[in-house]
N, C-alpha and C. Protein backbone atom coordinates (compact mmCIF):
# COMPACT_ATOMS: atom_id res chain seq x y z
N MET A 1 158.14 123.47 120.96
CA MET A 1 157.69 124.85 121.13
C MET A 1 156.20 124.84 121.48
N ASN A 2 155.81 125.68 122.40
CA ASN A 2 154.42 125.77 122.82
C ASN A 2 153.60 126.56 121.80
N ALA A 3 152.35 126.14 121.63
CA ALA A 3 151.44 126.88 120.75
C ALA A 3 151.09 128.21 121.42
N PRO A 4 150.85 129.25 120.62
CA PRO A 4 150.45 130.53 121.22
C PRO A 4 149.15 130.38 122.01
N ARG A 5 149.01 131.19 123.03
CA ARG A 5 147.77 131.19 123.81
C ARG A 5 146.62 131.67 122.95
N ASP A 6 145.42 131.10 123.19
CA ASP A 6 144.26 131.58 122.45
C ASP A 6 143.69 132.83 123.14
N ALA A 7 142.76 133.49 122.46
CA ALA A 7 142.22 134.77 122.93
C ALA A 7 141.56 134.65 124.29
N LYS A 8 140.78 133.58 124.54
CA LYS A 8 140.12 133.43 125.85
C LYS A 8 141.14 133.26 126.97
N GLU A 9 142.17 132.47 126.74
CA GLU A 9 143.19 132.28 127.77
C GLU A 9 143.89 133.60 128.07
N ILE A 10 144.18 134.37 127.04
CA ILE A 10 144.82 135.67 127.24
C ILE A 10 143.94 136.58 128.09
N ALA A 11 142.65 136.63 127.79
CA ALA A 11 141.73 137.48 128.57
C ALA A 11 141.67 137.02 130.02
N ARG A 12 141.58 135.72 130.24
CA ARG A 12 141.54 135.22 131.64
C ARG A 12 142.81 135.60 132.38
N LEU A 13 143.95 135.40 131.75
CA LEU A 13 145.22 135.76 132.38
C LEU A 13 145.29 137.27 132.64
N TRP A 14 144.78 138.06 131.70
CA TRP A 14 144.83 139.52 131.83
C TRP A 14 144.12 139.99 133.10
N PHE A 15 142.93 139.48 133.33
CA PHE A 15 142.18 139.93 134.50
C PHE A 15 142.59 139.20 135.78
N GLU A 16 142.78 137.90 135.72
CA GLU A 16 143.09 137.13 136.93
C GLU A 16 144.52 137.32 137.41
N LYS A 17 145.46 137.41 136.49
CA LYS A 17 146.88 137.51 136.89
C LYS A 17 147.42 138.94 136.82
N VAL A 18 147.18 139.61 135.69
CA VAL A 18 147.73 140.96 135.54
C VAL A 18 147.04 141.93 136.48
N TRP A 19 145.69 141.93 136.49
CA TRP A 19 144.98 142.87 137.36
C TRP A 19 144.90 142.37 138.81
N ASN A 20 144.39 141.17 139.03
CA ASN A 20 144.16 140.74 140.41
C ASN A 20 145.42 140.34 141.15
N GLN A 21 146.40 139.80 140.45
CA GLN A 21 147.64 139.39 141.12
C GLN A 21 148.79 140.35 140.86
N ARG A 22 148.52 141.42 140.10
CA ARG A 22 149.51 142.48 139.84
C ARG A 22 150.80 141.92 139.21
N ASP A 23 150.65 141.02 138.25
CA ASP A 23 151.79 140.36 137.61
C ASP A 23 152.28 141.21 136.43
N ASN A 24 153.21 142.13 136.73
CA ASN A 24 153.72 143.04 135.71
C ASN A 24 154.50 142.31 134.62
N ALA A 25 155.25 141.27 134.99
CA ALA A 25 156.02 140.52 133.98
C ALA A 25 155.06 139.88 132.97
N LEU A 26 153.94 139.36 133.45
CA LEU A 26 152.98 138.75 132.54
C LEU A 26 152.33 139.81 131.64
N ALA A 27 152.08 141.00 132.16
CA ALA A 27 151.53 142.08 131.33
C ALA A 27 152.47 142.35 130.17
N ARG A 28 153.78 142.40 130.45
CA ARG A 28 154.76 142.63 129.38
C ARG A 28 154.78 141.48 128.38
N GLU A 29 154.57 140.27 128.87
CA GLU A 29 154.55 139.09 128.00
C GLU A 29 153.31 139.04 127.12
N LEU A 30 152.16 139.40 127.69
CA LEU A 30 150.90 139.30 126.96
C LEU A 30 150.68 140.43 125.95
N MET A 31 151.29 141.59 126.18
CA MET A 31 151.09 142.74 125.29
C MET A 31 152.19 142.83 124.26
N ALA A 32 151.81 143.05 123.01
CA ALA A 32 152.79 143.37 121.98
C ALA A 32 153.43 144.72 122.34
N PRO A 33 154.70 144.92 121.99
CA PRO A 33 155.36 146.19 122.34
C PRO A 33 154.64 147.43 121.84
N ASP A 34 153.94 147.31 120.72
CA ASP A 34 153.23 148.46 120.15
C ASP A 34 151.71 148.36 120.32
N ALA A 35 151.27 147.54 121.27
CA ALA A 35 149.83 147.40 121.53
C ALA A 35 149.23 148.74 121.92
N VAL A 36 148.05 149.02 121.40
CA VAL A 36 147.38 150.29 121.68
C VAL A 36 146.19 150.02 122.58
N GLY A 37 146.11 150.77 123.68
CA GLY A 37 144.97 150.69 124.58
C GLY A 37 144.12 151.94 124.45
N HIS A 38 142.86 151.76 124.13
CA HIS A 38 141.90 152.86 124.04
C HIS A 38 141.08 152.82 125.32
N LEU A 39 141.38 153.73 126.23
CA LEU A 39 140.76 153.71 127.55
C LEU A 39 139.54 154.62 127.60
N GLU A 40 138.70 154.35 128.58
CA GLU A 40 137.51 155.17 128.79
C GLU A 40 137.96 156.62 129.01
N GLY A 41 137.20 157.56 128.49
CA GLY A 41 137.54 158.97 128.64
C GLY A 41 138.42 159.50 127.53
N GLY A 42 138.66 158.68 126.49
CA GLY A 42 139.44 159.15 125.35
C GLY A 42 140.94 159.02 125.50
N GLN A 43 141.41 158.46 126.60
CA GLN A 43 142.85 158.28 126.80
C GLN A 43 143.34 157.12 125.94
N GLU A 44 144.53 157.29 125.36
CA GLU A 44 145.13 156.23 124.56
C GLU A 44 146.55 156.00 125.08
N ILE A 45 146.91 154.72 125.24
CA ILE A 45 148.25 154.37 125.69
C ILE A 45 148.85 153.38 124.70
N VAL A 46 150.17 153.37 124.61
CA VAL A 46 150.85 152.46 123.69
C VAL A 46 151.92 151.69 124.45
N GLY A 47 151.82 150.37 124.38
CA GLY A 47 152.84 149.50 124.93
C GLY A 47 152.64 149.14 126.40
N PRO A 48 153.33 148.08 126.80
CA PRO A 48 153.19 147.58 128.17
C PRO A 48 153.57 148.59 129.26
N GLU A 49 154.62 149.36 129.07
CA GLU A 49 155.04 150.29 130.12
C GLU A 49 154.01 151.38 130.35
N ALA A 50 153.39 151.86 129.29
CA ALA A 50 152.32 152.87 129.44
C ALA A 50 151.13 152.25 130.18
N PHE A 51 150.79 151.00 129.83
CA PHE A 51 149.71 150.33 130.54
C PHE A 51 150.05 150.21 132.02
N LEU A 52 151.26 149.76 132.33
CA LEU A 52 151.64 149.56 133.73
C LEU A 52 151.61 150.87 134.52
N GLY A 53 151.92 151.99 133.87
CA GLY A 53 151.80 153.30 134.53
C GLY A 53 150.35 153.63 134.84
N PHE A 54 149.46 153.38 133.88
CA PHE A 54 148.03 153.58 134.11
C PHE A 54 147.55 152.68 135.24
N GLN A 55 147.90 151.41 135.18
CA GLN A 55 147.46 150.45 136.19
C GLN A 55 147.97 150.87 137.58
N ALA A 56 149.21 151.31 137.67
CA ALA A 56 149.78 151.71 138.97
C ALA A 56 149.00 152.88 139.56
N SER A 57 148.63 153.85 138.74
CA SER A 57 147.85 154.98 139.24
C SER A 57 146.47 154.54 139.72
N PHE A 58 145.84 153.65 138.95
CA PHE A 58 144.53 153.13 139.32
C PHE A 58 144.62 152.36 140.63
N LEU A 59 145.64 151.50 140.75
CA LEU A 59 145.78 150.68 141.96
C LEU A 59 146.23 151.51 143.16
N GLU A 60 146.88 152.63 142.91
CA GLU A 60 147.21 153.53 144.02
C GLU A 60 145.93 154.10 144.62
N ALA A 61 144.94 154.37 143.77
CA ALA A 61 143.66 154.90 144.24
C ALA A 61 142.80 153.81 144.89
N VAL A 62 142.81 152.61 144.31
CA VAL A 62 141.98 151.50 144.79
C VAL A 62 142.89 150.27 144.95
N PRO A 63 143.70 150.25 146.02
CA PRO A 63 144.71 149.19 146.16
C PRO A 63 144.15 147.78 146.34
N ASP A 64 142.92 147.66 146.80
CA ASP A 64 142.34 146.33 146.98
C ASP A 64 141.42 145.94 145.81
N LEU A 65 141.57 146.59 144.67
CA LEU A 65 140.74 146.32 143.50
C LEU A 65 140.77 144.84 143.14
N ARG A 66 139.59 144.28 142.91
CA ARG A 66 139.43 142.90 142.44
C ARG A 66 138.49 142.93 141.26
N ILE A 67 138.86 142.23 140.21
CA ILE A 67 138.04 142.16 139.01
C ILE A 67 137.59 140.72 138.81
N GLY A 68 136.29 140.56 138.57
CA GLY A 68 135.72 139.25 138.30
C GLY A 68 135.21 139.17 136.87
N ILE A 69 135.46 138.06 136.23
CA ILE A 69 134.97 137.86 134.87
C ILE A 69 133.54 137.33 134.93
N VAL A 70 132.63 138.01 134.25
CA VAL A 70 131.24 137.58 134.16
C VAL A 70 131.07 136.66 132.96
N ALA A 71 131.61 137.06 131.81
CA ALA A 71 131.47 136.26 130.60
C ALA A 71 132.57 136.62 129.61
N LEU A 72 132.92 135.65 128.78
CA LEU A 72 133.89 135.84 127.70
C LEU A 72 133.27 135.34 126.40
N VAL A 73 133.46 136.09 125.32
CA VAL A 73 133.05 135.66 123.99
C VAL A 73 134.27 135.89 123.10
N ALA A 74 134.66 134.87 122.34
CA ALA A 74 135.89 135.01 121.57
C ALA A 74 135.84 134.28 120.24
N ASP A 75 136.68 134.76 119.32
CA ASP A 75 137.02 134.01 118.12
C ASP A 75 138.55 133.94 118.09
N GLU A 76 139.15 133.65 116.97
CA GLU A 76 140.60 133.49 116.93
C GLU A 76 141.36 134.78 117.22
N ALA A 77 140.80 135.92 116.84
CA ALA A 77 141.54 137.17 116.92
C ALA A 77 140.94 138.21 117.86
N ASN A 78 139.81 137.91 118.49
CA ASN A 78 139.14 138.88 119.35
C ASN A 78 138.57 138.18 120.57
N VAL A 79 138.55 138.91 121.69
CA VAL A 79 137.86 138.41 122.87
C VAL A 79 137.19 139.60 123.55
N CYS A 80 135.94 139.42 123.87
CA CYS A 80 135.16 140.44 124.56
C CYS A 80 134.87 139.91 125.97
N THR A 81 135.27 140.67 126.97
CA THR A 81 135.12 140.25 128.36
C THR A 81 134.19 141.21 129.10
N HIS A 82 133.12 140.67 129.66
CA HIS A 82 132.24 141.43 130.56
C HIS A 82 132.77 141.17 131.96
N TRP A 83 133.04 142.23 132.71
CA TRP A 83 133.66 142.10 134.02
C TRP A 83 133.00 143.01 135.04
N THR A 84 133.24 142.69 136.32
CA THR A 84 132.84 143.56 137.42
C THR A 84 134.09 143.85 138.24
N ALA A 85 134.11 145.01 138.88
CA ALA A 85 135.25 145.39 139.70
C ALA A 85 134.74 146.03 140.99
N GLN A 86 135.50 145.80 142.06
CA GLN A 86 135.15 146.43 143.33
C GLN A 86 136.40 146.62 144.16
N GLY A 87 136.31 147.55 145.08
CA GLY A 87 137.42 147.84 145.98
C GLY A 87 137.08 149.05 146.83
N THR A 88 138.10 149.57 147.50
CA THR A 88 137.93 150.72 148.37
C THR A 88 138.83 151.86 147.90
N HIS A 89 138.26 153.04 147.74
CA HIS A 89 139.06 154.20 147.34
C HIS A 89 139.83 154.71 148.57
N SER A 90 141.00 154.12 148.77
CA SER A 90 141.77 154.43 149.99
C SER A 90 143.14 155.03 149.71
N GLY A 91 143.44 155.32 148.46
CA GLY A 91 144.73 155.90 148.13
C GLY A 91 144.59 157.13 147.25
N PRO A 92 145.70 157.88 147.07
CA PRO A 92 145.65 159.16 146.36
C PRO A 92 145.79 159.07 144.84
N GLY A 93 145.80 157.90 144.25
CA GLY A 93 145.99 157.77 142.81
C GLY A 93 144.89 158.44 142.02
N MET A 94 145.15 158.62 140.74
CA MET A 94 144.22 159.23 139.80
C MET A 94 143.93 160.69 140.17
N GLY A 95 144.80 161.30 140.96
CA GLY A 95 144.67 162.71 141.29
C GLY A 95 143.54 163.05 142.24
N MET A 96 143.09 162.07 143.03
CA MET A 96 141.96 162.32 143.92
C MET A 96 142.35 162.04 145.37
N ILE A 97 141.80 162.82 146.28
CA ILE A 97 141.98 162.58 147.71
C ILE A 97 141.18 161.34 148.08
N PRO A 98 141.77 160.40 148.83
CA PRO A 98 141.04 159.17 149.19
C PRO A 98 139.75 159.49 149.96
N SER A 99 138.66 158.86 149.54
CA SER A 99 137.37 159.11 150.17
C SER A 99 136.98 158.00 151.15
N GLY A 100 137.64 156.84 151.06
CA GLY A 100 137.27 155.71 151.89
C GLY A 100 136.01 155.01 151.38
N MET A 101 135.49 155.44 150.25
CA MET A 101 134.25 154.87 149.69
C MET A 101 134.53 153.51 149.05
N ARG A 102 133.59 152.58 149.27
CA ARG A 102 133.62 151.32 148.53
C ARG A 102 133.13 151.63 147.12
N VAL A 103 133.77 151.07 146.14
CA VAL A 103 133.38 151.30 144.75
C VAL A 103 133.05 149.97 144.10
N PHE A 104 132.07 150.01 143.24
CA PHE A 104 131.67 148.86 142.42
C PHE A 104 131.36 149.40 141.04
N PHE A 105 131.94 148.79 140.04
CA PHE A 105 131.64 149.19 138.67
C PHE A 105 131.80 147.97 137.76
N ARG A 106 131.23 148.09 136.60
CA ARG A 106 131.30 146.98 135.64
C ARG A 106 131.60 147.55 134.27
N GLY A 107 132.09 146.68 133.42
CA GLY A 107 132.43 147.14 132.09
C GLY A 107 132.68 146.00 131.14
N VAL A 108 133.16 146.38 129.97
CA VAL A 108 133.48 145.44 128.91
C VAL A 108 134.85 145.84 128.35
N THR A 109 135.68 144.86 128.12
CA THR A 109 136.96 145.07 127.47
C THR A 109 137.02 144.20 126.22
N TRP A 110 137.36 144.82 125.11
CA TRP A 110 137.50 144.12 123.83
C TRP A 110 138.98 144.09 123.50
N LEU A 111 139.54 142.89 123.41
CA LEU A 111 140.95 142.73 123.07
C LEU A 111 141.09 142.12 121.69
N GLU A 112 142.02 142.65 120.91
CA GLU A 112 142.41 142.04 119.65
C GLU A 112 143.72 141.33 119.89
N VAL A 113 143.83 140.09 119.38
CA VAL A 113 144.98 139.24 119.66
C VAL A 113 145.58 138.73 118.35
N ALA A 114 146.89 138.72 118.27
CA ALA A 114 147.60 138.13 117.13
C ALA A 114 148.83 137.41 117.66
N GLU A 115 149.04 136.19 117.20
CA GLU A 115 150.22 135.40 117.58
C GLU A 115 150.39 135.31 119.09
N GLY A 116 149.27 135.17 119.80
CA GLY A 116 149.32 134.97 121.24
C GLY A 116 149.59 136.21 122.07
N ARG A 117 149.44 137.40 121.47
CA ARG A 117 149.68 138.65 122.21
C ARG A 117 148.58 139.66 121.92
N ILE A 118 148.32 140.52 122.88
CA ILE A 118 147.34 141.59 122.72
C ILE A 118 147.94 142.66 121.83
N THR A 119 147.22 143.03 120.78
CA THR A 119 147.68 144.09 119.88
C THR A 119 146.88 145.38 120.05
N SER A 120 145.66 145.23 120.57
CA SER A 120 144.79 146.39 120.78
C SER A 120 143.76 146.04 121.84
N GLY A 121 143.36 147.04 122.59
CA GLY A 121 142.32 146.85 123.59
C GLY A 121 141.45 148.08 123.70
N ARG A 122 140.17 147.84 123.96
CA ARG A 122 139.22 148.94 124.16
C ARG A 122 138.40 148.65 125.41
N ASP A 123 138.31 149.65 126.29
CA ASP A 123 137.54 149.52 127.52
C ASP A 123 136.29 150.38 127.43
N PHE A 124 135.19 149.82 127.94
CA PHE A 124 133.91 150.53 127.98
C PHE A 124 133.33 150.37 129.38
N TRP A 125 133.33 151.45 130.17
CA TRP A 125 132.78 151.44 131.52
C TRP A 125 132.48 152.87 131.93
N ASN A 126 131.79 153.05 133.02
CA ASN A 126 131.34 154.37 133.46
C ASN A 126 132.41 155.03 134.33
N LYS A 127 133.44 155.57 133.71
CA LYS A 127 134.53 156.22 134.44
C LYS A 127 134.02 157.44 135.22
N GLU A 128 133.14 158.22 134.61
CA GLU A 128 132.61 159.41 135.30
C GLU A 128 131.84 159.02 136.55
N GLY A 129 131.06 157.94 136.49
CA GLY A 129 130.34 157.47 137.66
C GLY A 129 131.29 157.02 138.76
N LEU A 130 132.36 156.32 138.37
CA LEU A 130 133.36 155.89 139.35
C LEU A 130 134.02 157.10 140.01
N MET A 131 134.41 158.08 139.22
CA MET A 131 135.06 159.27 139.77
C MET A 131 134.11 160.01 140.72
N GLN A 132 132.82 160.06 140.37
CA GLN A 132 131.83 160.70 141.24
C GLN A 132 131.74 159.97 142.58
N THR A 133 131.72 158.64 142.53
CA THR A 133 131.66 157.85 143.76
C THR A 133 132.93 158.07 144.59
N MET A 134 134.09 158.08 143.93
CA MET A 134 135.34 158.26 144.64
C MET A 134 135.43 159.64 145.28
N ALA A 135 134.72 160.61 144.71
CA ALA A 135 134.71 161.95 145.27
C ALA A 135 133.72 162.06 146.43
N GLY A 136 133.04 160.94 146.76
CA GLY A 136 132.12 160.95 147.90
C GLY A 136 130.66 161.12 147.51
N GLY A 137 130.37 161.14 146.22
CA GLY A 137 128.99 161.26 145.76
C GLY A 137 128.31 159.91 145.74
N PRO A 138 127.06 159.88 145.34
CA PRO A 138 126.34 158.60 145.30
C PRO A 138 126.90 157.71 144.19
N ALA A 139 126.87 156.43 144.43
CA ALA A 139 127.27 155.47 143.39
C ALA A 139 126.33 155.63 142.21
N PRO A 140 126.79 155.37 141.00
CA PRO A 140 125.92 155.55 139.83
C PRO A 140 124.58 154.83 139.96
N ASP A 141 124.55 153.62 140.49
CA ASP A 141 123.29 152.90 140.64
C ASP A 141 122.40 153.58 141.68
N GLU A 142 123.00 154.18 142.73
CA GLU A 142 122.22 154.89 143.74
C GLU A 142 121.60 156.15 143.14
N ALA A 143 122.32 156.81 142.24
CA ALA A 143 121.82 158.06 141.65
C ALA A 143 120.58 157.81 140.82
N LEU A 144 120.42 156.59 140.30
CA LEU A 144 119.25 156.28 139.48
C LEU A 144 118.03 155.93 140.30
N ALA A 145 118.22 155.61 141.57
CA ALA A 145 117.10 155.18 142.43
C ALA A 145 116.19 156.33 142.78
């Protein structure tokens, strides 16, 4: 029998395979059935199917989304991932008309892991800034200049 994956491996797989390669089967494997996701903006989702619905809407809006891992910090039960994301707002997902704008944003995701599966996750990123950029406004970094 294989040993359960450690927290860092789970985080790497989450971003590299689930997000970048759109591996839905792996998302179901990595998430506990009752895993709770606390998303930016106060949204909460429970379980892999709810996550996959959220991800599908996000990817409909930004179909070429790519996420890069900047750094990982972990212990046995937690992993904190600093990441960057970029793509083009070319689809109608998230209830917005496609703007054709290139988007770049960064954030942090904190995952809690038990027995080789994600049991809880929290995302911290500037969702309002991303939505403003997708609506054709200045990117958050441009607004500060």
